[in-house]
Amino acid sequence: MLHVTEGGIGTIFLGASGIPIKRLEMTLNKEAADGWTLVFQFVEQKRFMLFWKREAVIITLAR
């Protein structure tokens, strides 16, 4: 299971910075090269430092 979150600094200064697509893509490509395949993913929102919400992608892999 992988957990990729948006940046905390961008969340504080911009209100939301979004999921880091390039980092997510690099992580999935690395795992795919090792023989893993994407089975399931979902986006969750969590409270971040009392005032902001921060998104994270939870990815489940299988061989």
PDB file of N, CA and C in Angstrom:
ATOM      1  N   MET A   1       0.847  -1.160   0.000  1.00  0.00           N
ATOM      2  CA  MET A   1       0.000   0.000   0.000  1.00  0.00           C
ATOM      3  C   MET A   1       0.901   1.235   0.000  1.00  0.00           C
ATOM      4  N   LEU A   2       0.568   2.201  -0.845  1.00  0.00           N
ATOM      5  CA  LEU A   2       1.311   3.450  -0.924  1.00  0.00           C
ATOM      6  C   LEU A   2       0.432   4.602  -0.465  1.00  0.00           C
ATOM      7  N   HIS A   3       1.079   5.631   0.048  1.00  0.00           N
ATOM      8  CA  HIS A   3       0.382   6.803   0.567  1.00  0.00           C
ATOM      9  C   HIS A   3       1.115   8.025   0.030  1.00  0.00           C
ATOM     10  N   VAL A   4       0.485   8.788  -0.883  1.00  0.00           N
ATOM     11  CA  VAL A   4       1.094   9.983  -1.473  1.00  0.00           C
ATOM     12  C   VAL A   4       0.240  11.178  -1.086  1.00  0.00           C
ATOM     13  N   THR A   5       0.848  12.172  -0.411  1.00  0.00           N
ATOM     14  CA  THR A   5       0.101  13.340   0.070  1.00  0.00           C
ATOM     15  C   THR A   5       0.548  14.601  -0.629  1.00  0.00           C
ATOM     16  N   GLU A   6      -0.337  15.594  -0.608  1.00  0.00           N
ATOM     17  CA  GLU A   6       0.031  16.897  -1.142  1.00  0.00           C
ATOM     18  C   GLU A   6       0.947  17.602  -0.149  1.00  0.00           C
ATOM     19  N   GLY A   7       1.682  18.578  -0.608  1.00  0.00           N
ATOM     20  CA  GLY A   7       2.647  19.271   0.227  1.00  0.00           C
ATOM     21  C   GLY A   7       2.005  20.127   1.301  1.00  0.00           C
ATOM     22  N   GLY A   8       2.608  20.165   2.474  1.00  0.00           N
ATOM     23  CA  GLY A   8       2.084  20.938   3.586  1.00  0.00           C
ATOM     24  C   GLY A   8       2.283  22.436   3.433  1.00  0.00           C
ATOM     25  N   ILE A   9       3.413  22.848   2.867  1.00  0.00           N
ATOM     26  CA  ILE A   9       3.700  24.278   2.690  1.00  0.00           C
ATOM     27  C   ILE A   9       2.696  24.907   1.727  1.00  0.00           C
ATOM     28  N   GLY A  10       2.443  24.236   0.609  1.00  0.00           N
ATOM     29  CA  GLY A  10       1.459  24.745  -0.350  1.00  0.00           C
ATOM     30  C   GLY A  10       0.067  24.801   0.233  1.00  0.00           C
ATOM     31  N   THR A  11      -0.253  23.860   1.081  1.00  0.00           N
ATOM     32  CA  THR A  11      -1.561  23.845   1.724  1.00  0.00           C
ATOM     33  C   THR A  11      -1.714  25.046   2.635  1.00  0.00           C
ATOM     34  N   ILE A  12      -0.664  25.371   3.381  1.00  0.00           N
ATOM     35  CA  ILE A  12      -0.730  26.504   4.315  1.00  0.00           C
ATOM     36  C   ILE A  12      -0.801  27.830   3.568  1.00  0.00           C
ATOM     37  N   PHE A  13       0.085  28.040   2.578  1.00  0.00           N
ATOM     38  CA  PHE A  13       0.162  29.336   1.910  1.00  0.00           C
ATOM     39  C   PHE A  13      -0.856  29.520   0.797  1.00  0.00           C
ATOM     40  N   LEU A  14      -1.246  28.459   0.106  1.00  0.00           N
ATOM     41  CA  LEU A  14      -2.163  28.583  -1.022  1.00  0.00           C
ATOM     42  C   LEU A  14      -3.570  28.071  -0.713  1.00  0.00           C
ATOM     43  N   GLY A  15      -3.746  27.430   0.430  1.00  0.00           N
ATOM     44  CA  GLY A  15      -5.033  26.862   0.767  1.00  0.00           C
ATOM     45  C   GLY A  15      -5.193  25.435   0.283  1.00  0.00           C
ATOM     46  N   ALA A  16      -4.541  25.112  -0.824  1.00  0.00           N
ATOM     47  CA  ALA A  16      -4.525  23.757  -1.376  1.00  0.00           C
ATOM     48  C   ALA A  16      -3.441  23.718  -2.442  1.00  0.00           C
ATOM     49  N   SER A  17      -2.663  22.664  -2.455  1.00  0.00           N
ATOM     50  CA  SER A  17      -1.598  22.588  -3.447  1.00  0.00           C
ATOM     51  C   SER A  17      -1.807  21.456  -4.440  1.00  0.00           C
ATOM     52  N   GLY A  18      -2.714  20.557  -4.168  1.00  0.00           N
ATOM     53  CA  GLY A  18      -3.002  19.466  -5.089  1.00  0.00           C
ATOM     54  C   GLY A  18      -2.061  18.286  -4.909  1.00  0.00           C
ATOM     55  N   ILE A  19      -2.484  17.162  -5.434  1.00  0.00           N
ATOM     56  CA  ILE A  19      -1.686  15.936  -5.366  1.00  0.00           C
ATOM     57  C   ILE A  19      -0.482  16.099  -6.288  1.00  0.00           C
ATOM     58  N   PRO A  20       0.717  15.743  -5.831  1.00  0.00           N
ATOM     59  CA  PRO A  20       1.915  15.853  -6.679  1.00  0.00           C
ATOM     60  C   PRO A  20       1.910  14.761  -7.768  1.00  0.00           C
ATOM     61  N   ILE A  21       1.393  15.098  -8.938  1.00  0.00           N
ATOM     62  CA  ILE A  21       1.200  14.136 -10.018  1.00  0.00           C
ATOM     63  C   ILE A  21       2.516  13.517 -10.474  1.00  0.00           C
ATOM     64  N   LYS A  22       3.554  14.321 -10.612  1.00  0.00           N
ATOM     65  CA  LYS A  22       4.850  13.786 -11.063  1.00  0.00           C
ATOM     66  C   LYS A  22       5.402  12.767 -10.066  1.00  0.00           C
ATOM     67  N   ARG A  23       5.320  13.069  -8.776  1.00  0.00           N
ATOM     68  CA  ARG A  23       5.802  12.135  -7.754  1.00  0.00           C
ATOM     69  C   ARG A  23       4.962  10.860  -7.744  1.00  0.00           C
ATOM     70  N   LEU A  24       3.652  11.012  -7.921  1.00  0.00           N
ATOM     71  CA  LEU A  24       2.761   9.861  -7.985  1.00  0.00           C
ATOM     72  C   LEU A  24       3.105   8.986  -9.195  1.00  0.00           C
ATOM     73  N   GLU A  25       3.323   9.617 -10.343  1.00  0.00           N
ATOM     74  CA  GLU A  25       3.676   8.887 -11.556  1.00  0.00           C
ATOM     75  C   GLU A  25       5.014   8.163 -11.417  1.00  0.00           C
ATOM     76  N   MET A  26       6.010   8.833 -10.856  1.00  0.00           N
ATOM     77  CA  MET A  26       7.323   8.205 -10.667  1.00  0.00           C
ATOM     78  C   MET A  26       7.228   7.016  -9.710  1.00  0.00           C
ATOM     79  N   THR A  27       6.462   7.154  -8.653  1.00  0.00           N
ATOM     80  CA  THR A  27       6.295   6.073  -7.684  1.00  0.00           C
ATOM     81  C   THR A  27       5.620   4.870  -8.327  1.00  0.00           C
ATOM     82  N   LEU A  28       4.539   5.109  -9.086  1.00  0.00           N
ATOM     83  CA  LEU A  28       3.832   4.007  -9.741  1.00  0.00           C
ATOM     84  C   LEU A  28       4.697   3.333 -10.811  1.00  0.00           C
ATOM     85  N   ASN A  29       5.461   4.115 -11.560  1.00  0.00           N
ATOM     86  CA  ASN A  29       6.347   3.528 -12.577  1.00  0.00           C
ATOM     87  C   ASN A  29       7.435   2.670 -11.938  1.00  0.00           C
ATOM     88  N   LYS A  30       7.964   3.112 -10.803  1.00  0.00           N
ATOM     89  CA  LYS A  30       8.990   2.341 -10.104  1.00  0.00           C
ATOM     90  C   LYS A  30       8.420   1.011  -9.611  1.00  0.00           C
ATOM     91  N   GLU A  31       7.225   1.056  -9.036  1.00  0.00           N
ATOM     92  CA  GLU A  31       6.590  -0.161  -8.546  1.00  0.00           C
ATOM     93  C   GLU A  31       6.220  -1.091  -9.705  1.00  0.00           C
ATOM     94  N   ALA A  32       5.763  -0.533 -10.817  1.00  0.00           N
ATOM     95  CA  ALA A  32       5.414  -1.349 -11.990  1.00  0.00           C
ATOM     96  C   ALA A  32       6.645  -2.046 -12.557  1.00  0.00           C
ATOM     97  N   ALA A  33       7.791  -1.378 -12.516  1.00  0.00           N
ATOM     98  CA  ALA A  33       9.035  -1.993 -12.984  1.00  0.00           C
ATOM     99  C   ALA A  33       9.433  -3.179 -12.109  1.00  0.00           C
ATOM    100  N   ASP A  34       9.006  -3.165 -10.846  1.00  0.00           N
ATOM    101  CA  ASP A  34       9.285  -4.272  -9.929  1.00  0.00           C
ATOM    102  C   ASP A  34       8.228  -5.374  -9.994  1.00  0.00           C
ATOM    103  N   GLY A  35       7.240  -5.229 -10.888  1.00  0.00           N
ATOM    104  CA  GLY A  35       6.237  -6.265 -11.073  1.00  0.00           C
ATOM    105  C   GLY A  35       4.914  -6.033 -10.373  1.00  0.00           C
ATOM    106  N   TRP A  36       4.704  -4.870  -9.776  1.00  0.00           N
ATOM    107  CA  TRP A  36       3.458  -4.578  -9.070  1.00  0.00           C
ATOM    108  C   TRP A  36       2.452  -3.945 -10.028  1.00  0.00           C
ATOM    109  N   THR A  37       1.176  -4.181  -9.798  1.00  0.00           N
ATOM    110  CA  THR A  37       0.114  -3.545 -10.573  1.00  0.00           C
ATOM    111  C   THR A  37      -0.854  -2.831  -9.641  1.00  0.00           C
ATOM    112  N   LEU A  38      -1.433  -1.776 -10.151  1.00  0.00           N
ATOM    113  CA  LEU A  38      -2.396  -0.989  -9.386  1.00  0.00           C
ATOM    114  C   LEU A  38      -3.718  -1.748  -9.308  1.00  0.00           C
ATOM    115  N   VAL A  39      -4.225  -1.941  -8.094  1.00  0.00           N
ATOM    116  CA  VAL A  39      -5.483  -2.660  -7.888  1.00  0.00           C
ATOM    117  C   VAL A  39      -6.596  -1.688  -7.521  1.00  0.00           C
ATOM    118  N   PHE A  40      -6.315  -0.750  -6.627  1.00  0.00           N
ATOM    119  CA  PHE A  40      -7.346   0.145  -6.112  1.00  0.00           C
ATOM    120  C   PHE A  40      -6.687   1.427  -5.623  1.00  0.00           C
ATOM    121  N   GLN A  41      -7.395   2.542  -5.784  1.00  0.00           N
ATOM    122  CA  GLN A  41      -6.907   3.799  -5.229  1.00  0.00           C
ATOM    123  C   GLN A  41      -8.087   4.669  -4.813  1.00  0.00           C
ATOM    124  N   PHE A  42      -7.859   5.511  -3.827  1.00  0.00           N
ATOM    125  CA  PHE A  42      -8.870   6.487  -3.443  1.00  0.00           C
ATOM    126  C   PHE A  42      -8.193   7.708  -2.857  1.00  0.00           C
ATOM    127  N   VAL A  43      -8.911   8.812  -2.875  1.00  0.00           N
ATOM    128  CA  VAL A  43      -8.399  10.083  -2.366  1.00  0.00           C
ATOM    129  C   VAL A  43      -9.103  10.369  -1.047  1.00  0.00           C
ATOM    130  N   GLU A  44      -8.313  10.661  -0.038  1.00  0.00           N
ATOM    131  CA  GLU A  44      -8.883  11.013   1.258  1.00  0.00           C
ATOM    132  C   GLU A  44      -8.502  12.440   1.608  1.00  0.00           C
ATOM    133  N   GLN A  45      -9.339  13.082   2.394  1.00  0.00           N
ATOM    134  CA  GLN A  45      -9.046  14.419   2.892  1.00  0.00           C
ATOM    135  C   GLN A  45      -8.943  14.346   4.406  1.00  0.00           C
ATOM    136  N   LYS A  46      -7.870  14.926   4.917  1.00  0.00           N
ATOM    137  CA  LYS A  46      -7.660  14.969   6.361  1.00  0.00           C
ATOM    138  C   LYS A  46      -7.482  16.410   6.800  1.00  0.00           C
ATOM    139  N   ARG A  47      -7.827  16.653   8.030  1.00  0.00           N
ATOM    140  CA  ARG A  47      -7.590  17.970   8.619  1.00  0.00           C
ATOM    141  C   ARG A  47      -6.089  18.153   8.794  1.00  0.00           C
ATOM    142  N   PHE A  48      -5.581  19.348   8.453  1.00  0.00           N
ATOM    143  CA  PHE A  48      -4.153  19.642   8.539  1.00  0.00           C
ATOM    144  C   PHE A  48      -3.966  20.912   9.353  1.00  0.00           C
ATOM    145  N   MET A  49      -3.349  20.799  10.480  1.00  0.00           N
ATOM    146  CA  MET A  49      -3.035  21.921  11.367  1.00  0.00           C
ATOM    147  C   MET A  49      -4.265  22.784  11.686  1.00  0.00           C
ATOM    148  N   LEU A  50      -5.361  22.162  12.030  1.00  0.00           N
ATOM    149  CA  LEU A  50      -6.582  22.760  12.536  1.00  0.00           C
ATOM    150  C   LEU A  50      -7.424  23.528  11.507  1.00  0.00           C
ATOM    151  N   PHE A  51      -6.814  24.279  10.571  1.00  0.00           N
ATOM    152  CA  PHE A  51      -7.588  25.133   9.677  1.00  0.00           C
ATOM    153  C   PHE A  51      -7.706  24.629   8.250  1.00  0.00           C
ATOM    154  N   TRP A  52      -6.781  23.810   7.798  1.00  0.00           N
ATOM    155  CA  TRP A  52      -6.728  23.408   6.393  1.00  0.00           C
ATOM    156  C   TRP A  52      -7.067  21.937   6.230  1.00  0.00           C
ATOM    157  N   LYS A  53      -7.403  21.578   4.989  1.00  0.00           N
ATOM    158  CA  LYS A  53      -7.591  20.176   4.638  1.00  0.00           C
ATOM    159  C   LYS A  53      -6.489  19.788   3.665  1.00  0.00           C
ATOM    160  N   ARG A  54      -6.029  18.565   3.784  1.00  0.00           N
ATOM    161  CA  ARG A  54      -4.924  18.065   2.968  1.00  0.00           C
ATOM    162  C   ARG A  54      -5.352  16.751   2.330  1.00  0.00           C
ATOM    163  N   GLU A  55      -5.125  16.623   1.020  1.00  0.00           N
ATOM    164  CA  GLU A  55      -5.512  15.415   0.309  1.00  0.00           C
ATOM    165  C   GLU A  55      -4.362  14.422   0.252  1.00  0.00           C
ATOM    166  N   ALA A  56      -4.735  13.147   0.206  1.00  0.00           N
ATOM    167  CA  ALA A  56      -3.760  12.071   0.062  1.00  0.00           C
ATOM    168  C   ALA A  56      -4.360  11.001  -0.835  1.00  0.00           C
ATOM    169  N   VAL A  57      -3.518  10.357  -1.617  1.00  0.00           N
ATOM    170  CA  VAL A  57      -3.957   9.251  -2.454  1.00  0.00           C
ATOM    171  C   VAL A  57      -3.438   7.969  -1.795  1.00  0.00           C
ATOM    172  N   ILE A  58      -4.359   7.047  -1.537  1.00  0.00           N
ATOM    173  CA  ILE A  58      -4.008   5.749  -0.978  1.00  0.00           C
ATOM    174  C   ILE A  58      -4.085   4.744  -2.135  1.00  0.00           C
ATOM    175  N   ILE A  59      -2.986   4.047  -2.393  1.00  0.00           N
ATOM    176  CA  ILE A  59      -2.892   3.140  -3.530  1.00  0.00           C
ATOM    177  C   ILE A  59      -2.628   1.731  -3.028  1.00  0.00           C
ATOM    178  N   THR A  60      -3.411   0.782  -3.511  1.00  0.00           N
ATOM    179  CA  THR A  60      -3.202  -0.625  -3.193  1.00  0.00           C
ATOM    180  C   THR A  60      -2.615  -1.319  -4.417  1.00  0.00           C
ATOM    181  N   LEU A  61      -1.523  -2.056  -4.214  1.00  0.00           N
ATOM    182  CA  LEU A  61      -0.831  -2.750  -5.295  1.00  0.00           C
ATOM    183  C   LEU A  61      -0.920  -4.251  -5.090  1.00  0.00           C
ATOM    184  N   ALA A  62      -0.778  -4.998  -6.187  1.00  0.00           N
ATOM    185  CA  ALA A  62      -0.755  -6.468  -6.112  1.00  0.00           C
ATOM    186  C   ALA A  62       0.216  -6.988  -7.151  1.00  0.00           C
ATOM    187  N   ARG A  63       0.679  -8.214  -6.946  1.00  0.00           N
ATOM    188  CA  ARG A  63       1.566  -8.856  -7.935  1.00  0.00           C
ATOM    189  C   ARG A  63       0.783  -9.851  -8.737  1.00  0.00           C
TER     190      ARG A  63
END
